[in-house]
Amino acid sequence: MGLPFDENSSFMRGPADAPPVIKAEVFSAAHNLWSEAGLDLTDRFHDVGSVSVGEGEDMFTSVESAVAALLEKNYRPILLGGDHAVTVPIIRAFAREYSKLSVLHFDAHPDLYDDFEGNRYSHACPFSRILEEGLIQRLVQVGIRAFTEPQREQAARFNVEVMEMKDWDDERVFKFDGPVYISFDVDGLDPACAPGVSHREPGGFTTRQALRVIQSLGGQLVGADIVEYNPHRDFQNMTAVVCAKLCKELAARMLMDH
């Protein structure tokens, strides 16, 4: 499901235009719908369109309602953003369905500001809101390489588990007790792999490193988002293809739990 919203982007707009571009690559004849583990995903994806997100605070209500409706039908949604602010209403819906939810967060940035440039719902703040509301029991962040002191203070306040990119270990396997949701900000990848983002931060994951984390995940994967892809910054849809690959492997990982 697409979430075409980027009003809370702080630097430049563009992620609102991402969902149809990613979907086009998922279903493109240039690729197939088989996962690396050998699962045929052809009849497993159901494109339910995009949410009419509205403006301002209306986005939070409309996204939460739309995600809740999918969960009530026992779907495991993959939400395509949009800026990272959309993760707040997504997690509100998931938290009602899963009482002991954990989140694995891929990003160059921890998105833990209490407010950013006067906006408490900036795409730089979603995990502060999620943790304040007590929606999740555990937050694990990977790929981080643009930490600031205010965000370090927030990470300590909320007991966030952060593995900064400078300390990355390729053999690390992430294990969770109970349901886990993956929030994947595309700028968690190195810009050499994913140039189509508003905030390029060198030194990030290769696509293969990120896929290995997803494929080796311990826990029940119940949903995911792919956010912050900016097609206006992309080269020949290179990043959209990476997003489509992530979408397929996330779906395959969910199917392992059925």
C-alpha atoms as a PDB file:
ATOM      1  CA  MET A   1       0.000   0.000   0.000  1.00  0.00           C
ATOM      2  CA  GLY A   2       1.305   3.406  -0.961  1.00  0.00           C
ATOM      3  CA  LEU A   3       1.519   6.347   1.436  1.00  0.00           C
ATOM      4  CA  PRO A   4       2.119   9.396  -0.779  1.00  0.00           C
ATOM      5  CA  PHE A   5       3.022  11.930   1.912  1.00  0.00           C
ATOM      6  CA  ASP A   6       6.106  14.098   2.414  1.00  0.00           C
ATOM      7  CA  GLU A   7       4.877  17.228   4.198  1.00  0.00           C
ATOM      8  CA  ASN A   8       7.137  16.502   7.153  1.00  0.00           C
ATOM      9  CA  SER A   9      10.298  16.314   5.066  1.00  0.00           C
ATOM     10  CA  SER A  10      12.828  18.831   6.349  1.00  0.00           C
ATOM     11  CA  PHE A  11      15.186  19.282   3.392  1.00  0.00           C
ATOM     12  CA  MET A  12      13.347  18.617   0.141  1.00  0.00           C
ATOM     13  CA  ARG A  13      10.093  17.114  -1.023  1.00  0.00           C
ATOM     14  CA  GLY A  14       9.769  14.117  -3.338  1.00  0.00           C
ATOM     15  CA  PRO A  15       9.074  10.914  -1.348  1.00  0.00           C
ATOM     16  CA  ALA A  16       5.311  11.422  -1.839  1.00  0.00           C
ATOM     17  CA  ASP A  17       5.870  10.429  -5.465  1.00  0.00           C
ATOM     18  CA  ALA A  18       7.661   7.186  -4.574  1.00  0.00           C
ATOM     19  CA  PRO A  19       4.902   4.553  -4.175  1.00  0.00           C
ATOM     20  CA  PRO A  20       3.855   4.103  -7.829  1.00  0.00           C
ATOM     21  CA  VAL A  21       7.491   4.095  -8.975  1.00  0.00           C
ATOM     22  CA  ILE A  22       8.402   1.309  -6.554  1.00  0.00           C
ATOM     23  CA  LYS A  23       5.296  -0.696  -7.451  1.00  0.00           C
ATOM     24  CA  ALA A  24       6.104  -0.413 -11.143  1.00  0.00           C
ATOM     25  CA  GLU A  25       9.485  -2.031 -10.499  1.00  0.00           C
ATOM     26  CA  VAL A  26       8.036  -4.762  -8.272  1.00  0.00           C
ATOM     27  CA  PHE A  27       5.777  -5.872 -11.126  1.00  0.00           C
ATOM     28  CA  SER A  28       8.075  -4.947 -14.019  1.00  0.00           C
ATOM     29  CA  ALA A  29       8.735  -7.519 -16.730  1.00  0.00           C
ATOM     30  CA  ALA A  30      12.419  -6.670 -16.287  1.00  0.00           C
ATOM     31  CA  HIS A  31      12.414  -8.779 -13.097  1.00  0.00           C
ATOM     32  CA  ASN A  32      10.690 -11.872 -11.773  1.00  0.00           C
ATOM     33  CA  LEU A  33       8.693 -12.372  -8.585  1.00  0.00           C
ATOM     34  CA  TRP A  34      10.810 -15.128  -7.062  1.00  0.00           C
ATOM     35  CA  SER A  35      12.643 -14.539  -3.807  1.00  0.00           C
ATOM     36  CA  GLU A  36      16.242 -15.564  -3.253  1.00  0.00           C
ATOM     37  CA  ALA A  37      15.021 -18.388  -1.001  1.00  0.00           C
ATOM     38  CA  GLY A  38      13.045 -19.829  -3.910  1.00  0.00           C
ATOM     39  CA  LEU A  39       9.545 -18.600  -3.061  1.00  0.00           C
ATOM     40  CA  ASP A  40       7.276 -17.691  -5.953  1.00  0.00           C
ATOM     41  CA  LEU A  41       5.610 -14.436  -4.909  1.00  0.00           C
ATOM     42  CA  THR A  42       3.489 -14.067  -8.037  1.00  0.00           C
ATOM     43  CA  ASP A  43       0.160 -14.608  -6.264  1.00  0.00           C
ATOM     44  CA  ARG A  44       1.316 -13.389  -2.866  1.00  0.00           C
ATOM     45  CA  PHE A  45       1.318  -9.643  -3.487  1.00  0.00           C
ATOM     46  CA  HIS A  46      -1.951  -7.741  -3.428  1.00  0.00           C
ATOM     47  CA  ASP A  47      -1.648  -4.118  -4.474  1.00  0.00           C
ATOM     48  CA  VAL A  48      -4.333  -2.300  -2.509  1.00  0.00           C
ATOM     49  CA  GLY A  49      -3.525   1.067  -4.039  1.00  0.00           C
ATOM     50  CA  SER A  50      -2.504   4.140  -2.105  1.00  0.00           C
ATOM     51  CA  VAL A  51      -4.065   5.934   0.849  1.00  0.00           C
ATOM     52  CA  SER A  52      -5.671   9.309   0.293  1.00  0.00           C
ATOM     53  CA  VAL A  53      -3.521  10.746   3.047  1.00  0.00           C
ATOM     54  CA  GLY A  54      -4.873  14.280   3.225  1.00  0.00           C
ATOM     55  CA  GLU A  55      -2.820  17.097   4.704  1.00  0.00           C
ATOM     56  CA  GLY A  56      -1.334  17.839   8.099  1.00  0.00           C
ATOM     57  CA  GLU A  57      -2.860  15.893  10.971  1.00  0.00           C
ATOM     58  CA  ASP A  58      -5.316  14.180   8.616  1.00  0.00           C
ATOM     59  CA  MET A  59      -2.443  11.988   7.422  1.00  0.00           C
ATOM     60  CA  PHE A  60      -2.092  10.357  10.828  1.00  0.00           C
ATOM     61  CA  THR A  61      -5.766   9.450  11.037  1.00  0.00           C
ATOM     62  CA  SER A  62      -6.070   8.198   7.465  1.00  0.00           C
ATOM     63  CA  VAL A  63      -2.907   6.086   7.533  1.00  0.00           C
ATOM     64  CA  GLU A  64      -3.676   4.523  10.911  1.00  0.00           C
ATOM     65  CA  SER A  65      -7.190   3.639   9.757  1.00  0.00           C
ATOM     66  CA  ALA A  66      -6.024   2.186   6.441  1.00  0.00           C
ATOM     67  CA  VAL A  67      -3.320   0.040   8.052  1.00  0.00           C
ATOM     68  CA  ALA A  68      -5.714  -1.153  10.776  1.00  0.00           C
ATOM     69  CA  ALA A  69      -8.165  -2.255   8.075  1.00  0.00           C
ATOM     70  CA  LEU A  70      -5.486  -4.422   6.431  1.00  0.00           C
ATOM     71  CA  LEU A  71      -4.481  -5.965   9.749  1.00  0.00           C
ATOM     72  CA  GLU A  72      -8.105  -6.813  10.514  1.00  0.00           C
ATOM     73  CA  LYS A  73      -8.116  -8.866   7.301  1.00  0.00           C
ATOM     74  CA  ASN A  74      -4.982 -10.717   8.441  1.00  0.00           C
ATOM     75  CA  TYR A  75      -2.748  -9.141   5.832  1.00  0.00           C
ATOM     76  CA  ARG A  76       0.907  -8.474   6.556  1.00  0.00           C
ATOM     77  CA  PRO A  77       1.332  -5.037   5.030  1.00  0.00           C
ATOM     78  CA  ILE A  78       4.350  -3.592   3.301  1.00  0.00           C
ATOM     79  CA  LEU A  79       3.839   0.163   3.287  1.00  0.00           C
ATOM     80  CA  LEU A  80       5.578   2.257   0.656  1.00  0.00           C
ATOM     81  CA  GLY A  81       6.252   5.888   1.631  1.00  0.00           C
ATOM     82  CA  GLY A  82       6.457   8.709   1.813  1.00  0.00           C
ATOM     83  CA  ASP A  83       8.666  10.335   4.397  1.00  0.00           C
ATOM     84  CA  HIS A  84       9.416   8.676   7.700  1.00  0.00           C
ATOM     85  CA  ALA A  85       6.652  10.532   9.545  1.00  0.00           C
ATOM     86  CA  VAL A  86       4.224   7.920   8.192  1.00  0.00           C
ATOM     87  CA  THR A  87       5.718   5.301  10.499  1.00  0.00           C
ATOM     88  CA  VAL A  88       4.039   6.890  13.546  1.00  0.00           C
ATOM     89  CA  PRO A  89       0.434   6.105  12.484  1.00  0.00           C
ATOM     90  CA  ILE A  90       1.527   2.768  11.023  1.00  0.00           C
ATOM     91  CA  ILE A  91       2.924   1.673  14.371  1.00  0.00           C
ATOM     92  CA  ARG A  92      -0.148   2.987  16.194  1.00  0.00           C
ATOM     93  CA  ALA A  93      -2.222   0.548  14.145  1.00  0.00           C
ATOM     94  CA  PHE A  94       0.217  -2.338  14.609  1.00  0.00           C
ATOM     95  CA  ALA A  95       0.459  -1.755  18.368  1.00  0.00           C
ATOM     96  CA  ARG A  96      -3.280  -2.320  18.707  1.00  0.00           C
ATOM     97  CA  GLU A  97      -2.896  -5.678  16.966  1.00  0.00           C
ATOM     98  CA  TYR A  98       0.402  -6.762  18.562  1.00  0.00           C
ATOM     99  CA  SER A  99       0.847  -5.990  22.257  1.00  0.00           C
ATOM    100  CA  LYS A 100       4.580  -6.779  22.440  1.00  0.00           C
ATOM    101  CA  LEU A 101       5.834  -5.305  19.194  1.00  0.00           C
ATOM    102  CA  SER A 102       9.505  -4.656  18.444  1.00  0.00           C
ATOM    103  CA  VAL A 103      10.924  -2.561  15.615  1.00  0.00           C
ATOM    104  CA  LEU A 104      14.098  -3.072  13.589  1.00  0.00           C
ATOM    105  CA  HIS A 105      14.948   0.270  12.016  1.00  0.00           C
ATOM    106  CA  PHE A 106      17.347   0.699   9.064  1.00  0.00           C
ATOM    107  CA  ASP A 107      18.511   4.291   8.619  1.00  0.00           C
ATOM    108  CA  ALA A 108      21.479   6.614   8.352  1.00  0.00           C
ATOM    109  CA  HIS A 109      19.770   8.737  11.012  1.00  0.00           C
ATOM    110  CA  PRO A 110      18.190   7.667  14.312  1.00  0.00           C
ATOM    111  CA  ASP A 111      15.132   9.940  13.806  1.00  0.00           C
ATOM    112  CA  LEU A 112      14.996  10.551  17.541  1.00  0.00           C
ATOM    113  CA  TYR A 113      14.812  14.331  17.781  1.00  0.00           C
ATOM    114  CA  ASP A 114      12.243  15.521  20.290  1.00  0.00           C
ATOM    115  CA  ASP A 115      11.399  18.138  17.689  1.00  0.00           C
ATOM    116  CA  PHE A 116      13.158  19.272  14.552  1.00  0.00           C
ATOM    117  CA  GLU A 117      12.965  22.893  13.447  1.00  0.00           C
ATOM    118  CA  GLY A 118       9.917  23.304  15.676  1.00  0.00           C
ATOM    119  CA  ASN A 119       8.071  20.294  14.225  1.00  0.00           C
ATOM    120  CA  ARG A 120       7.466  17.406  16.632  1.00  0.00           C
ATOM    121  CA  TYR A 121       6.144  15.303  13.753  1.00  0.00           C
ATOM    122  CA  SER A 122       9.071  15.916  11.416  1.00  0.00           C
ATOM    123  CA  HIS A 123      10.492  12.906   9.597  1.00  0.00           C
ATOM    124  CA  ALA A 124      13.442  13.396  11.974  1.00  0.00           C
ATOM    125  CA  CYS A 125      11.253  12.633  15.031  1.00  0.00           C
ATOM    126  CA  PRO A 126       9.030   9.573  14.474  1.00  0.00           C
ATOM    127  CA  PHE A 127      10.692   7.222  16.919  1.00  0.00           C
ATOM    128  CA  SER A 128      10.525   9.747  19.744  1.00  0.00           C
ATOM    129  CA  ARG A 129       6.757   9.876  19.274  1.00  0.00           C
ATOM    130  CA  ILE A 130       6.479   6.080  19.016  1.00  0.00           C
ATOM    131  CA  LEU A 131       8.503   5.538  22.182  1.00  0.00           C
ATOM    132  CA  GLU A 132       6.741   8.302  24.124  1.00  0.00           C
ATOM    133  CA  GLU A 133       3.417   6.650  23.397  1.00  0.00           C
ATOM    134  CA  GLY A 134       4.708   3.284  24.614  1.00  0.00           C
ATOM    135  CA  LEU A 135       3.745   1.596  21.362  1.00  0.00           C
ATOM    136  CA  ILE A 136       6.701  -0.804  21.185  1.00  0.00           C
ATOM    137  CA  GLN A 137       8.719  -2.779  23.689  1.00  0.00           C
ATOM    138  CA  ARG A 138      12.039  -2.693  21.843  1.00  0.00           C
ATOM    139  CA  LEU A 139      13.698  -0.523  19.178  1.00  0.00           C
ATOM    140  CA  VAL A 140      16.857  -1.706  17.424  1.00  0.00           C
ATOM    141  CA  GLN A 141      18.526   0.690  14.991  1.00  0.00           C
ATOM    142  CA  VAL A 142      21.113  -0.282  12.373  1.00  0.00           C
ATOM    143  CA  GLY A 143      23.065   1.629   9.751  1.00  0.00           C
ATOM    144  CA  ILE A 144      23.258   4.781  11.879  1.00  0.00           C
ATOM    145  CA  ARG A 145      26.060   7.130  10.900  1.00  0.00           C
ATOM    146  CA  ALA A 146      24.711  10.649  11.456  1.00  0.00           C
ATOM    147  CA  PHE A 147      24.133  10.698  15.214  1.00  0.00           C
ATOM    148  CA  THR A 148      23.825  14.041  17.006  1.00  0.00           C
ATOM    149  CA  GLU A 149      24.095  14.689  20.741  1.00  0.00           C
ATOM    150  CA  PRO A 150      20.365  15.467  21.228  1.00  0.00           C
ATOM    151  CA  GLN A 151      19.521  12.152  19.598  1.00  0.00           C
ATOM    152  CA  ARG A 152      22.092  10.285  21.700  1.00  0.00           C
ATOM    153  CA  GLU A 153      20.346  11.674  24.769  1.00  0.00           C
ATOM    154  CA  GLN A 154      16.993  10.459  23.461  1.00  0.00           C
ATOM    155  CA  ALA A 155      18.440   7.032  22.667  1.00  0.00           C
ATOM    156  CA  ALA A 156      19.690   6.748  26.255  1.00  0.00           C
ATOM    157  CA  ARG A 157      16.370   8.012  27.641  1.00  0.00           C
ATOM    158  CA  PHE A 158      14.359   5.363  25.802  1.00  0.00           C
ATOM    159  CA  ASN A 159      16.921   2.513  26.006  1.00  0.00           C
ATOM    160  CA  VAL A 160      17.239   2.296  22.241  1.00  0.00           C
ATOM    161  CA  GLU A 161      19.652  -0.364  20.983  1.00  0.00           C
ATOM    162  CA  VAL A 162      21.814   1.334  18.364  1.00  0.00           C
ATOM    163  CA  MET A 163      24.427  -0.349  16.221  1.00  0.00           C
ATOM    164  CA  GLU A 164      26.262   2.472  14.516  1.00  0.00           C
ATOM    165  CA  MET A 165      27.668   1.775  11.080  1.00  0.00           C
ATOM    166  CA  LYS A 166      31.234   2.404  12.258  1.00  0.00           C
ATOM    167  CA  ASP A 167      30.835  -0.603  14.556  1.00  0.00           C
ATOM    168  CA  TRP A 168      29.049  -2.854  12.072  1.00  0.00           C
ATOM    169  CA  ASP A 169      29.637  -6.617  12.212  1.00  0.00           C
ATOM    170  CA  ASP A 170      28.584  -8.560   9.124  1.00  0.00           C
ATOM    171  CA  GLU A 171      28.038 -11.693  11.213  1.00  0.00           C
ATOM    172  CA  ARG A 172      25.505 -10.065  13.548  1.00  0.00           C
ATOM    173  CA  VAL A 173      22.091 -11.759  13.610  1.00  0.00           C
ATOM    174  CA  PHE A 174      19.183  -9.879  15.156  1.00  0.00           C
ATOM    175  CA  LYS A 175      16.755 -11.920  17.229  1.00  0.00           C
ATOM    176  CA  PHE A 176      13.453 -10.813  18.678  1.00  0.00           C
ATOM    177  CA  ASP A 177      10.971 -12.424  21.032  1.00  0.00           C
ATOM    178  CA  GLY A 178       7.561 -12.074  19.446  1.00  0.00           C
ATOM    179  CA  PRO A 179       6.389  -9.905  16.562  1.00  0.00           C
ATOM    180  CA  VAL A 180       8.794  -7.537  14.829  1.00  0.00           C
ATOM    181  CA  TYR A 181       8.196  -4.743  12.338  1.00  0.00           C
ATOM    182  CA  ILE A 182      10.912  -3.487   9.967  1.00  0.00           C
ATOM    183  CA  SER A 183      11.062   0.214   9.153  1.00  0.00           C
ATOM    184  CA  PHE A 184      13.478   0.672   6.252  1.00  0.00           C
ATOM    185  CA  ASP A 185      14.613   4.192   5.438  1.00  0.00           C
ATOM    186  CA  VAL A 186      16.338   3.845   2.083  1.00  0.00           C
ATOM    187  CA  ASP A 187      19.140   6.220   3.085  1.00  0.00           C
ATOM    188  CA  GLY A 188      20.298   3.455   5.429  1.00  0.00           C
ATOM    189  CA  LEU A 189      21.899   2.095   2.267  1.00  0.00           C
ATOM    190  CA  ASP A 190      25.074   3.646   0.929  1.00  0.00           C
ATOM    191  CA  PRO A 191      24.307   6.233  -1.763  1.00  0.00           C
ATOM    192  CA  ALA A 192      26.373   4.139  -4.176  1.00  0.00           C
ATOM    193  CA  CYS A 193      23.587   1.541  -3.900  1.00  0.00           C
ATOM    194  CA  ALA A 194      20.653   3.917  -3.414  1.00  0.00           C
ATOM    195  CA  PRO A 195      21.268   7.442  -4.708  1.00  0.00           C
ATOM    196  CA  GLY A 196      17.548   8.277  -4.869  1.00  0.00           C
ATOM    197  CA  VAL A 197      17.194   9.792  -1.414  1.00  0.00           C
ATOM    198  CA  SER A 198      17.005  13.356  -0.141  1.00  0.00           C
ATOM    199  CA  HIS A 199      19.706  12.905   2.494  1.00  0.00           C
ATOM    200  CA  ARG A 200      22.659  11.029   1.016  1.00  0.00           C
ATOM    201  CA  GLU A 201      25.019   9.841   3.739  1.00  0.00           C
ATOM    202  CA  PRO A 202      28.138   7.938   2.602  1.00  0.00           C
ATOM    203  CA  GLY A 203      29.356   4.874   4.435  1.00  0.00           C
ATOM    204  CA  GLY A 204      26.116   2.904   4.641  1.00  0.00           C
ATOM    205  CA  PHE A 205      24.981  -0.644   3.991  1.00  0.00           C
ATOM    206  CA  THR A 206      25.431  -2.369   0.685  1.00  0.00           C
ATOM    207  CA  THR A 207      22.234  -3.890  -0.617  1.00  0.00           C
ATOM    208  CA  ARG A 208      23.634  -7.355   0.150  1.00  0.00           C
ATOM    209  CA  GLN A 209      24.408  -6.460   3.770  1.00  0.00           C
ATOM    210  CA  ALA A 210      20.872  -5.182   4.303  1.00  0.00           C
ATOM    211  CA  LEU A 211      19.333  -8.251   2.663  1.00  0.00           C
ATOM    212  CA  ARG A 212      21.366 -10.533   4.892  1.00  0.00           C
ATOM    213  CA  VAL A 213      19.992  -8.814   8.002  1.00  0.00           C
ATOM    214  CA  ILE A 214      16.436  -9.304   6.730  1.00  0.00           C
ATOM    215  CA  GLN A 215      16.967 -12.892   5.633  1.00  0.00           C
ATOM    216  CA  SER A 216      18.661 -13.964   8.887  1.00  0.00           C
ATOM    217  CA  LEU A 217      16.203 -12.172  11.170  1.00  0.00           C
ATOM    218  CA  GLY A 218      15.077 -14.119  14.216  1.00  0.00           C
ATOM    219  CA  GLY A 219      11.483 -13.369  15.134  1.00  0.00           C
ATOM    220  CA  GLN A 220       8.037 -13.187  13.583  1.00  0.00           C
ATOM    221  CA  LEU A 221       8.053 -10.479  10.908  1.00  0.00           C
ATOM    222  CA  VAL A 222       4.548  -8.993  10.784  1.00  0.00           C
ATOM    223  CA  GLY A 223       4.961  -5.890   8.633  1.00  0.00           C
ATOM    224  CA  ALA A 224       7.344  -3.393   7.123  1.00  0.00           C
ATOM    225  CA  ASP A 225       7.694  -0.019   5.518  1.00  0.00           C
ATOM    226  CA  ILE A 226      10.090   1.298   2.894  1.00  0.00           C
ATOM    227  CA  VAL A 227      10.328   5.067   3.209  1.00  0.00           C
ATOM    228  CA  GLU A 228      12.261   8.147   2.089  1.00  0.00           C
ATOM    229  CA  TYR A 229      12.838   7.046  -1.503  1.00  0.00           C
ATOM    230  CA  ASN A 230      12.923  10.225  -3.586  1.00  0.00           C
ATOM    231  CA  PRO A 231      12.469   9.401  -7.279  1.00  0.00           C
ATOM    232  CA  HIS A 232      13.492  12.935  -8.254  1.00  0.00           C
ATOM    233  CA  ARG A 233      17.016  12.209  -6.978  1.00  0.00           C
ATOM    234  CA  ASP A 234      17.320   8.786  -8.593  1.00  0.00           C
ATOM    235  CA  PHE A 235      19.358   7.644 -11.611  1.00  0.00           C
ATOM    236  CA  GLN A 236      17.517   5.498 -14.174  1.00  0.00           C
ATOM    237  CA  ASN A 237      15.267   4.108 -11.412  1.00  0.00           C
ATOM    238  CA  MET A 238      18.291   2.425  -9.831  1.00  0.00           C
ATOM    239  CA  THR A 239      17.005   3.019  -6.280  1.00  0.00           C
ATOM    240  CA  ALA A 240      13.456   2.013  -7.213  1.00  0.00           C
ATOM    241  CA  VAL A 241      14.809  -1.365  -8.321  1.00  0.00           C
ATOM    242  CA  VAL A 242      16.552  -1.741  -4.954  1.00  0.00           C
ATOM    243  CA  CYS A 243      13.282  -0.863  -3.176  1.00  0.00           C
ATOM    244  CA  ALA A 244      11.479  -3.502  -5.230  1.00  0.00           C
ATOM    245  CA  LYS A 245      14.120  -6.063  -4.268  1.00  0.00           C
ATOM    246  CA  LEU A 246      13.672  -5.162  -0.604  1.00  0.00           C
ATOM    247  CA  CYS A 247       9.914  -5.487  -0.991  1.00  0.00           C
ATOM    248  CA  LYS A 248      10.234  -9.012  -2.373  1.00  0.00           C
ATOM    249  CA  GLU A 249      12.655 -10.183   0.287  1.00  0.00           C
ATOM    250  CA  LEU A 250      10.566  -8.672   3.083  1.00  0.00           C
ATOM    251  CA  ALA A 251       7.515 -10.485   1.738  1.00  0.00           C
ATOM    252  CA  ALA A 252       9.459 -13.755   1.514  1.00  0.00           C
ATOM    253  CA  ARG A 253      10.680 -13.356   5.086  1.00  0.00           C
ATOM    254  CA  MET A 254       7.086 -12.860   6.272  1.00  0.00           C
ATOM    255  CA  LEU A 255       5.985 -16.007   4.480  1.00  0.00           C
ATOM    256  CA  MET A 256       8.584 -18.026   6.381  1.00  0.00           C
ATOM    257  CA  ASP A 257       6.469 -17.510   9.506  1.00  0.00           C
ATOM    258  CA  HIS A 258       3.289 -18.978   7.975  1.00  0.00           C
END
